[in-house]
């Protein structure tokens, strides 16, 4: 699907405020409501817009610490990678997991209450996943940037 400047403007506005009214959005991007709504529906149907969500302040819901865990697996077969991914999906504290190139196989971002909570998660969940050869954990001291996709119209 090819996106034009109106599609990108709609996406930018929705990333800033997914609760914006159709009238406000239409006015902001320079379209009337009907074509604006059609474009949104098309982008939803084509999977460009995957869904809508709410950003939650992790500290205010008791998950003040973020841990980045680098994981190396014993086995790199398709089945081993699939099973590891499935195991991570079952751990609610896992926010994101990336299969990566380099020294480690995965980068996993985890939300926990504190170091004691992380130690519990390691013992009860992470270390029970078969096939982990090595892991290295780093606590996030401060989040410096959080942003949405940088949507720009090609030059």
N, C-alpha and C. Protein backbone atom coordinates (compact mmCIF):
# COMPACT_ATOMS: atom_id res chain seq x y z
N UNK A 1 0.84 -1.19 0.00
CA UNK A 1 0.00 0.00 0.00
C UNK A 1 0.88 1.24 0.00
N UNK A 2 0.60 2.14 -0.90
CA UNK A 2 1.35 3.39 -0.98
C UNK A 2 0.63 4.45 -0.17
N UNK A 3 1.35 5.11 0.70
CA UNK A 3 0.79 6.18 1.53
C UNK A 3 1.12 7.52 0.92
N UNK A 4 0.15 8.43 0.96
CA UNK A 4 0.41 9.78 0.48
C UNK A 4 0.49 10.74 1.67
N UNK A 5 0.62 12.03 1.36
CA UNK A 5 0.82 13.00 2.44
C UNK A 5 -0.38 13.08 3.38
N UNK A 6 -1.59 12.83 2.88
CA UNK A 6 -2.76 12.85 3.74
C UNK A 6 -2.75 11.65 4.70
N UNK A 7 -2.39 10.48 4.18
CA UNK A 7 -2.30 9.29 5.04
C UNK A 7 -1.28 9.51 6.15
N UNK A 8 -0.12 10.04 5.78
CA UNK A 8 0.93 10.28 6.77
C UNK A 8 0.49 11.32 7.80
N UNK A 9 -0.22 12.34 7.36
CA UNK A 9 -0.72 13.36 8.29
C UNK A 9 -1.73 12.75 9.25
N UNK A 10 -2.59 11.88 8.75
CA UNK A 10 -3.57 11.19 9.60
C UNK A 10 -2.84 10.33 10.63
N UNK A 11 -1.86 9.55 10.17
CA UNK A 11 -1.11 8.69 11.09
C UNK A 11 -0.38 9.49 12.16
N UNK A 12 0.24 10.60 11.76
CA UNK A 12 0.93 11.46 12.72
C UNK A 12 -0.03 11.98 13.78
N UNK A 13 -1.18 12.46 13.33
CA UNK A 13 -2.17 13.00 14.27
C UNK A 13 -2.70 11.92 15.21
N UNK A 14 -2.96 10.73 14.68
CA UNK A 14 -3.46 9.65 15.52
C UNK A 14 -2.41 9.16 16.51
N UNK A 15 -1.13 9.22 16.13
CA UNK A 15 -0.08 8.86 17.08
C UNK A 15 -0.01 9.85 18.22
N UNK A 16 -0.29 11.10 17.94
CA UNK A 16 -0.28 12.13 18.98
C UNK A 16 -1.49 12.01 19.90
N UNK A 17 -2.66 11.70 19.30
CA UNK A 17 -3.89 11.59 20.07
C UNK A 17 -4.87 10.68 19.35
N UNK A 18 -4.88 9.42 19.74
CA UNK A 18 -5.76 8.44 19.08
C UNK A 18 -7.23 8.69 19.39
N UNK A 19 -7.50 9.57 20.34
CA UNK A 19 -8.89 9.88 20.71
C UNK A 19 -9.40 11.15 20.03
N UNK A 20 -8.63 11.70 19.11
CA UNK A 20 -9.05 12.91 18.42
C UNK A 20 -10.36 12.64 17.68
N UNK A 21 -11.23 13.62 17.67
CA UNK A 21 -12.50 13.43 16.96
C UNK A 21 -12.25 13.44 15.45
N UNK A 22 -13.13 12.81 14.72
CA UNK A 22 -13.00 12.77 13.26
C UNK A 22 -13.04 14.18 12.69
N UNK A 23 -13.88 15.03 13.25
CA UNK A 23 -13.97 16.42 12.78
C UNK A 23 -12.65 17.16 12.99
N UNK A 24 -12.07 17.01 14.18
CA UNK A 24 -10.78 17.66 14.45
C UNK A 24 -9.69 17.12 13.54
N UNK A 25 -9.67 15.80 13.39
CA UNK A 25 -8.66 15.17 12.55
C UNK A 25 -8.79 15.63 11.11
N UNK A 26 -10.00 15.63 10.59
CA UNK A 26 -10.25 16.07 9.21
C UNK A 26 -9.76 17.49 9.00
N UNK A 27 -10.09 18.34 9.93
CA UNK A 27 -9.69 19.74 9.84
C UNK A 27 -8.16 19.87 9.89
N UNK A 28 -7.54 19.10 10.76
CA UNK A 28 -6.09 19.17 10.93
C UNK A 28 -5.34 18.72 9.69
N UNK A 29 -5.86 17.71 8.98
CA UNK A 29 -5.14 17.18 7.81
C UNK A 29 -5.61 17.77 6.49
N UNK A 30 -6.66 18.56 6.53
CA UNK A 30 -7.12 19.23 5.31
C UNK A 30 -8.03 18.40 4.43
N UNK A 31 -8.83 17.52 5.05
CA UNK A 31 -9.80 16.71 4.31
C UNK A 31 -11.17 16.88 4.95
N UNK A 32 -12.20 16.52 4.22
CA UNK A 32 -13.52 16.46 4.85
C UNK A 32 -13.63 15.12 5.58
N UNK A 33 -14.65 14.97 6.42
CA UNK A 33 -14.78 13.80 7.28
C UNK A 33 -14.86 12.49 6.52
N UNK A 34 -15.63 12.44 5.44
CA UNK A 34 -15.85 11.19 4.73
C UNK A 34 -14.56 10.60 4.14
N UNK A 35 -13.77 11.37 3.37
CA UNK A 35 -12.53 10.81 2.86
C UNK A 35 -11.51 10.50 3.97
N UNK A 36 -11.54 11.29 5.03
CA UNK A 36 -10.64 11.04 6.15
C UNK A 36 -10.97 9.69 6.79
N UNK A 37 -12.26 9.45 7.04
CA UNK A 37 -12.70 8.18 7.61
C UNK A 37 -12.37 7.01 6.68
N UNK A 38 -12.57 7.19 5.39
CA UNK A 38 -12.25 6.14 4.42
C UNK A 38 -10.77 5.77 4.45
N UNK A 39 -9.94 6.77 4.56
CA UNK A 39 -8.49 6.52 4.63
C UNK A 39 -8.13 5.77 5.91
N UNK A 40 -8.72 6.15 7.02
CA UNK A 40 -8.46 5.46 8.28
C UNK A 40 -8.88 4.00 8.16
N UNK A 41 -10.07 3.76 7.65
CA UNK A 41 -10.57 2.38 7.51
C UNK A 41 -9.67 1.57 6.57
N UNK A 42 -9.23 2.19 5.46
CA UNK A 42 -8.35 1.49 4.52
C UNK A 42 -7.03 1.13 5.20
N UNK A 43 -6.47 2.06 5.97
CA UNK A 43 -5.21 1.78 6.65
C UNK A 43 -5.38 0.72 7.75
N UNK A 44 -6.54 0.69 8.39
CA UNK A 44 -6.82 -0.38 9.36
C UNK A 44 -6.93 -1.72 8.64
N UNK A 45 -7.69 -1.75 7.56
CA UNK A 45 -7.89 -2.99 6.80
C UNK A 45 -6.58 -3.53 6.21
N UNK A 46 -5.69 -2.61 5.80
CA UNK A 46 -4.42 -3.02 5.20
C UNK A 46 -3.34 -3.30 6.25
N UNK A 47 -3.67 -3.12 7.53
CA UNK A 47 -2.71 -3.42 8.59
C UNK A 47 -1.70 -2.33 8.87
N UNK A 48 -1.84 -1.18 8.23
CA UNK A 48 -0.95 -0.06 8.54
C UNK A 48 -1.22 0.41 9.97
N UNK A 49 -2.50 0.57 10.29
CA UNK A 49 -2.91 0.85 11.67
C UNK A 49 -3.24 -0.49 12.30
N UNK A 50 -2.43 -0.88 13.28
CA UNK A 50 -2.60 -2.19 13.90
C UNK A 50 -3.55 -2.16 15.08
N UNK A 51 -3.81 -1.00 15.64
CA UNK A 51 -4.70 -0.90 16.78
C UNK A 51 -4.50 0.42 17.48
N UNK A 52 -5.21 0.60 18.56
CA UNK A 52 -5.15 1.82 19.34
C UNK A 52 -4.87 1.42 20.78
N UNK A 53 -4.07 2.22 21.48
CA UNK A 53 -3.72 1.86 22.85
C UNK A 53 -3.59 3.10 23.72
N UNK A 54 -3.39 2.82 25.00
CA UNK A 54 -3.20 3.88 25.99
C UNK A 54 -1.81 3.72 26.57
N UNK A 55 -1.07 4.82 26.71
CA UNK A 55 0.23 4.79 27.38
C UNK A 55 -0.03 4.88 28.88
N UNK A 56 0.51 3.94 29.62
CA UNK A 56 0.32 3.89 31.07
C UNK A 56 1.64 4.22 31.75
N UNK A 57 1.58 5.04 32.78
CA UNK A 57 2.76 5.37 33.57
C UNK A 57 3.09 4.16 34.43
N UNK A 58 4.17 3.45 34.08
CA UNK A 58 4.52 2.19 34.74
C UNK A 58 4.73 2.37 36.25
N UNK A 59 5.39 3.43 36.66
CA UNK A 59 5.66 3.65 38.08
C UNK A 59 4.36 3.82 38.86
N UNK A 60 3.38 4.46 38.26
CA UNK A 60 2.11 4.71 38.97
C UNK A 60 1.26 3.46 39.12
N UNK A 61 1.60 2.39 38.39
CA UNK A 61 0.87 1.13 38.56
C UNK A 61 1.77 0.08 39.22
N UNK A 62 2.85 0.54 39.87
CA UNK A 62 3.69 -0.35 40.66
C UNK A 62 4.79 -1.07 39.91
N UNK A 63 5.10 -0.64 38.69
CA UNK A 63 6.17 -1.27 37.91
C UNK A 63 7.22 -0.22 37.58
N UNK A 64 7.91 0.23 38.60
CA UNK A 64 8.81 1.38 38.48
C UNK A 64 10.11 1.07 37.74
N UNK A 65 10.51 -0.19 37.70
CA UNK A 65 11.80 -0.52 37.09
C UNK A 65 11.65 -1.24 35.77
N UNK A 66 12.53 -0.89 34.84
CA UNK A 66 12.61 -1.56 33.54
C UNK A 66 13.96 -2.25 33.47
N UNK A 67 13.95 -3.49 33.00
CA UNK A 67 15.18 -4.26 32.86
C UNK A 67 15.31 -4.69 31.40
N UNK A 68 16.50 -4.51 30.85
CA UNK A 68 16.81 -5.01 29.51
C UNK A 68 17.63 -6.28 29.72
N UNK A 69 17.14 -7.38 29.22
CA UNK A 69 17.82 -8.66 29.38
C UNK A 69 18.31 -9.12 28.01
N UNK A 70 19.59 -9.41 27.93
CA UNK A 70 20.19 -9.96 26.72
C UNK A 70 20.31 -11.46 26.94
N UNK A 71 19.81 -12.24 25.99
CA UNK A 71 19.73 -13.68 26.15
C UNK A 71 20.41 -14.38 24.98
N UNK A 72 21.19 -15.41 25.30
CA UNK A 72 21.76 -16.30 24.30
C UNK A 72 21.17 -17.69 24.52
N UNK A 73 20.75 -18.32 23.44
CA UNK A 73 20.17 -19.67 23.51
C UNK A 73 21.22 -20.71 23.15
N UNK A 74 21.00 -21.93 23.65
CA UNK A 74 21.86 -23.06 23.31
C UNK A 74 21.69 -23.49 21.86
N UNK A 75 20.46 -23.40 21.38
CA UNK A 75 20.09 -23.96 20.09
C UNK A 75 19.41 -22.88 19.26
N UNK A 76 19.70 -22.82 17.98
CA UNK A 76 19.12 -21.79 17.12
C UNK A 76 18.21 -22.38 16.05
N UNK A 77 17.69 -23.55 16.29
CA UNK A 77 16.76 -24.15 15.34
C UNK A 77 15.46 -23.35 15.32
N UNK A 78 14.71 -23.49 14.25
CA UNK A 78 13.43 -22.80 14.16
C UNK A 78 12.53 -23.15 15.34
N UNK A 79 12.54 -24.42 15.70
CA UNK A 79 11.70 -24.88 16.81
C UNK A 79 12.13 -24.24 18.14
N UNK A 80 13.42 -24.16 18.40
CA UNK A 80 13.93 -23.56 19.63
C UNK A 80 13.57 -22.08 19.70
N UNK A 81 13.73 -21.37 18.59
CA UNK A 81 13.38 -19.95 18.55
C UNK A 81 11.89 -19.75 18.76
N UNK A 82 11.08 -20.59 18.13
CA UNK A 82 9.63 -20.51 18.27
C UNK A 82 9.22 -20.77 19.72
N UNK A 83 9.77 -21.80 20.34
CA UNK A 83 9.42 -22.16 21.72
C UNK A 83 9.85 -21.08 22.70
N UNK A 84 11.02 -20.49 22.47
CA UNK A 84 11.47 -19.40 23.34
C UNK A 84 10.51 -18.21 23.23
N UNK A 85 10.14 -17.86 22.00
CA UNK A 85 9.18 -16.76 21.79
C UNK A 85 7.85 -17.05 22.45
N UNK A 86 7.38 -18.28 22.34
CA UNK A 86 6.11 -18.67 22.98
C UNK A 86 6.19 -18.56 24.49
N UNK A 87 7.32 -18.96 25.06
CA UNK A 87 7.50 -18.87 26.51
C UNK A 87 7.48 -17.41 26.97
N UNK A 88 8.13 -16.53 26.20
CA UNK A 88 8.13 -15.11 26.57
C UNK A 88 6.73 -14.52 26.52
N UNK A 89 5.92 -14.97 25.56
CA UNK A 89 4.55 -14.46 25.44
C UNK A 89 3.73 -14.76 26.68
N UNK A 90 4.10 -15.79 27.43
CA UNK A 90 3.36 -16.19 28.62
C UNK A 90 3.76 -15.42 29.87
N UNK A 91 4.75 -14.56 29.76
CA UNK A 91 5.24 -13.79 30.91
C UNK A 91 4.73 -12.35 30.79
N UNK A 92 3.76 -11.97 31.62
CA UNK A 92 3.16 -10.64 31.48
C UNK A 92 4.14 -9.50 31.66
N UNK A 93 5.19 -9.69 32.44
CA UNK A 93 6.16 -8.62 32.67
C UNK A 93 7.02 -8.33 31.45
N UNK A 94 7.05 -9.24 30.49
CA UNK A 94 7.82 -9.02 29.26
C UNK A 94 7.03 -8.06 28.37
N UNK A 95 7.60 -6.91 28.13
CA UNK A 95 6.95 -5.87 27.33
C UNK A 95 7.27 -6.01 25.85
N UNK A 96 8.53 -6.32 25.56
CA UNK A 96 8.99 -6.45 24.18
C UNK A 96 10.11 -7.48 24.14
N UNK A 97 10.22 -8.16 23.03
CA UNK A 97 11.33 -9.09 22.82
C UNK A 97 11.74 -8.99 21.36
N UNK A 98 13.04 -8.91 21.15
CA UNK A 98 13.59 -8.75 19.81
C UNK A 98 14.61 -9.85 19.55
N UNK A 99 14.46 -10.57 18.44
CA UNK A 99 15.51 -11.46 17.95
C UNK A 99 16.51 -10.56 17.25
N UNK A 100 17.77 -10.60 17.66
CA UNK A 100 18.75 -9.64 17.16
C UNK A 100 19.99 -10.34 16.62
N UNK A 101 20.78 -9.60 15.87
CA UNK A 101 22.09 -10.08 15.43
C UNK A 101 23.11 -9.62 16.47
N UNK A 102 24.28 -10.20 16.43
CA UNK A 102 25.33 -9.77 17.35
C UNK A 102 25.65 -10.83 18.39
N UNK A 103 26.16 -10.39 19.53
CA UNK A 103 26.63 -11.30 20.57
C UNK A 103 25.52 -12.06 21.26
N UNK A 104 24.34 -11.50 21.31
CA UNK A 104 23.20 -12.14 21.98
C UNK A 104 22.14 -12.46 20.94
N UNK A 105 21.24 -13.36 21.30
CA UNK A 105 20.16 -13.74 20.39
C UNK A 105 18.92 -12.87 20.56
N UNK A 106 18.66 -12.45 21.78
CA UNK A 106 17.44 -11.69 22.09
C UNK A 106 17.75 -10.52 23.00
N UNK A 107 17.01 -9.43 22.79
CA UNK A 107 16.91 -8.34 23.76
C UNK A 107 15.47 -8.38 24.24
N UNK A 108 15.31 -8.42 25.56
CA UNK A 108 13.98 -8.52 26.15
C UNK A 108 13.81 -7.36 27.13
N UNK A 109 12.73 -6.61 26.96
CA UNK A 109 12.44 -5.49 27.87
C UNK A 109 11.35 -5.95 28.85
N UNK A 110 11.65 -5.80 30.14
CA UNK A 110 10.80 -6.31 31.20
C UNK A 110 10.45 -5.20 32.17
N UNK A 111 9.21 -5.17 32.66
CA UNK A 111 8.76 -4.21 33.68
C UNK A 111 8.57 -4.94 35.00
N UNK A 112 9.20 -4.44 36.04
CA UNK A 112 9.09 -5.03 37.38
C UNK A 112 8.95 -3.93 38.42
N UNK A 113 8.54 -4.33 39.63
CA UNK A 113 8.36 -3.37 40.71
C UNK A 113 9.71 -2.88 41.25
N UNK A 114 10.65 -3.81 41.40
CA UNK A 114 11.95 -3.48 42.00
C UNK A 114 12.89 -4.66 41.79
N UNK A 115 14.09 -4.59 42.37
CA UNK A 115 15.08 -5.65 42.18
C UNK A 115 14.60 -6.98 42.77
N UNK A 116 13.90 -6.94 43.87
CA UNK A 116 13.38 -8.17 44.47
C UNK A 116 12.36 -8.83 43.55
N UNK A 117 11.52 -8.01 42.94
CA UNK A 117 10.52 -8.52 41.99
C UNK A 117 11.22 -9.14 40.77
N UNK A 118 12.30 -8.50 40.33
CA UNK A 118 13.04 -9.05 39.19
C UNK A 118 13.69 -10.38 39.55
N UNK A 119 14.24 -10.48 40.75
CA UNK A 119 14.84 -11.73 41.20
C UNK A 119 13.78 -12.84 41.22
N UNK A 120 12.57 -12.51 41.67
CA UNK A 120 11.46 -13.47 41.66
C UNK A 120 11.14 -13.91 40.24
N UNK A 121 11.06 -12.95 39.33
CA UNK A 121 10.76 -13.26 37.93
C UNK A 121 11.82 -14.17 37.32
N UNK A 122 13.08 -13.89 37.63
CA UNK A 122 14.16 -14.74 37.12
C UNK A 122 13.99 -16.19 37.59
N UNK A 123 13.81 -16.36 38.91
CA UNK A 123 13.69 -17.71 39.48
C UNK A 123 12.45 -18.44 39.01
N UNK A 124 11.31 -17.74 39.04
CA UNK A 124 10.04 -18.40 38.78
C UNK A 124 9.68 -18.52 37.31
N UNK A 125 10.19 -17.65 36.47
CA UNK A 125 9.75 -17.65 35.08
C UNK A 125 10.88 -17.78 34.08
N UNK A 126 11.79 -16.80 34.07
CA UNK A 126 12.79 -16.74 33.01
C UNK A 126 13.74 -17.93 33.03
N UNK A 127 14.29 -18.27 34.20
CA UNK A 127 15.24 -19.37 34.27
C UNK A 127 14.59 -20.74 34.10
N UNK A 128 13.29 -20.78 34.05
CA UNK A 128 12.60 -22.05 33.81
C UNK A 128 12.37 -22.31 32.32
N UNK A 129 12.69 -21.35 31.49
CA UNK A 129 12.58 -21.53 30.04
C UNK A 129 13.76 -22.38 29.59
N UNK A 130 13.49 -23.53 28.97
CA UNK A 130 14.60 -24.38 28.52
C UNK A 130 15.40 -23.73 27.39
N UNK A 131 16.70 -24.00 27.38
CA UNK A 131 17.53 -23.59 26.26
C UNK A 131 18.29 -22.30 26.44
N UNK A 132 18.15 -21.63 27.59
CA UNK A 132 18.91 -20.39 27.80
C UNK A 132 20.33 -20.77 28.22
N UNK A 133 21.30 -20.34 27.43
CA UNK A 133 22.71 -20.61 27.75
C UNK A 133 23.27 -19.51 28.64
N UNK A 134 22.91 -18.26 28.33
CA UNK A 134 23.50 -17.13 29.05
C UNK A 134 22.54 -15.96 29.00
N UNK A 135 22.52 -15.19 30.07
CA UNK A 135 21.75 -13.94 30.06
C UNK A 135 22.51 -12.86 30.81
N UNK A 136 22.23 -11.64 30.44
CA UNK A 136 22.86 -10.48 31.06
C UNK A 136 21.77 -9.43 31.25
N UNK A 137 21.64 -8.92 32.46
CA UNK A 137 20.57 -7.97 32.77
C UNK A 137 21.13 -6.58 33.04
N UNK A 138 20.42 -5.58 32.56
CA UNK A 138 20.77 -4.19 32.84
C UNK A 138 19.52 -3.45 33.26
N UNK A 139 19.57 -2.81 34.43
CA UNK A 139 18.44 -2.00 34.88
C UNK A 139 18.50 -0.63 34.20
N UNK A 140 17.38 -0.18 33.72
CA UNK A 140 17.28 1.15 33.10
C UNK A 140 17.30 2.17 34.24
N UNK A 141 18.22 3.11 34.18
CA UNK A 141 18.31 4.14 35.21
C UNK A 141 17.35 5.29 34.94
N UNK A 142 17.22 5.64 33.66
CA UNK A 142 16.33 6.73 33.28
C UNK A 142 15.98 6.57 31.81
N UNK A 143 14.72 6.78 31.48
CA UNK A 143 14.32 6.75 30.07
C UNK A 143 14.57 8.14 29.50
N UNK A 144 15.38 8.19 28.47
CA UNK A 144 15.74 9.47 27.88
C UNK A 144 14.81 9.88 26.74
N UNK A 145 14.23 8.91 26.07
CA UNK A 145 13.37 9.23 24.94
C UNK A 145 12.35 8.12 24.75
N UNK A 146 11.14 8.54 24.46
CA UNK A 146 10.09 7.61 24.05
C UNK A 146 9.32 8.33 22.95
N UNK A 147 9.22 7.69 21.81
CA UNK A 147 8.56 8.39 20.71
C UNK A 147 7.80 7.41 19.84
N UNK A 148 7.05 7.98 18.93
CA UNK A 148 6.31 7.22 17.93
C UNK A 148 7.15 7.15 16.66
N UNK A 149 6.65 6.44 15.67
CA UNK A 149 7.36 6.35 14.40
C UNK A 149 7.53 7.74 13.79
N UNK A 150 8.69 8.03 13.24
CA UNK A 150 8.92 9.33 12.60
C UNK A 150 8.34 9.30 11.17
N UNK A 151 7.14 9.78 11.02
CA UNK A 151 6.47 9.75 9.72
C UNK A 151 6.76 11.03 8.96
N UNK A 152 7.37 10.87 7.78
CA UNK A 152 7.71 12.02 6.95
C UNK A 152 7.29 11.71 5.51
N UNK A 153 6.95 12.75 4.82
CA UNK A 153 6.65 12.64 3.40
C UNK A 153 7.96 12.57 2.66
N UNK A 154 8.16 11.56 1.78
CA UNK A 154 9.45 11.44 1.06
C UNK A 154 9.75 12.70 0.24
N UNK A 155 11.04 13.05 0.19
CA UNK A 155 11.47 14.25 -0.57
C UNK A 155 11.42 13.99 -2.04
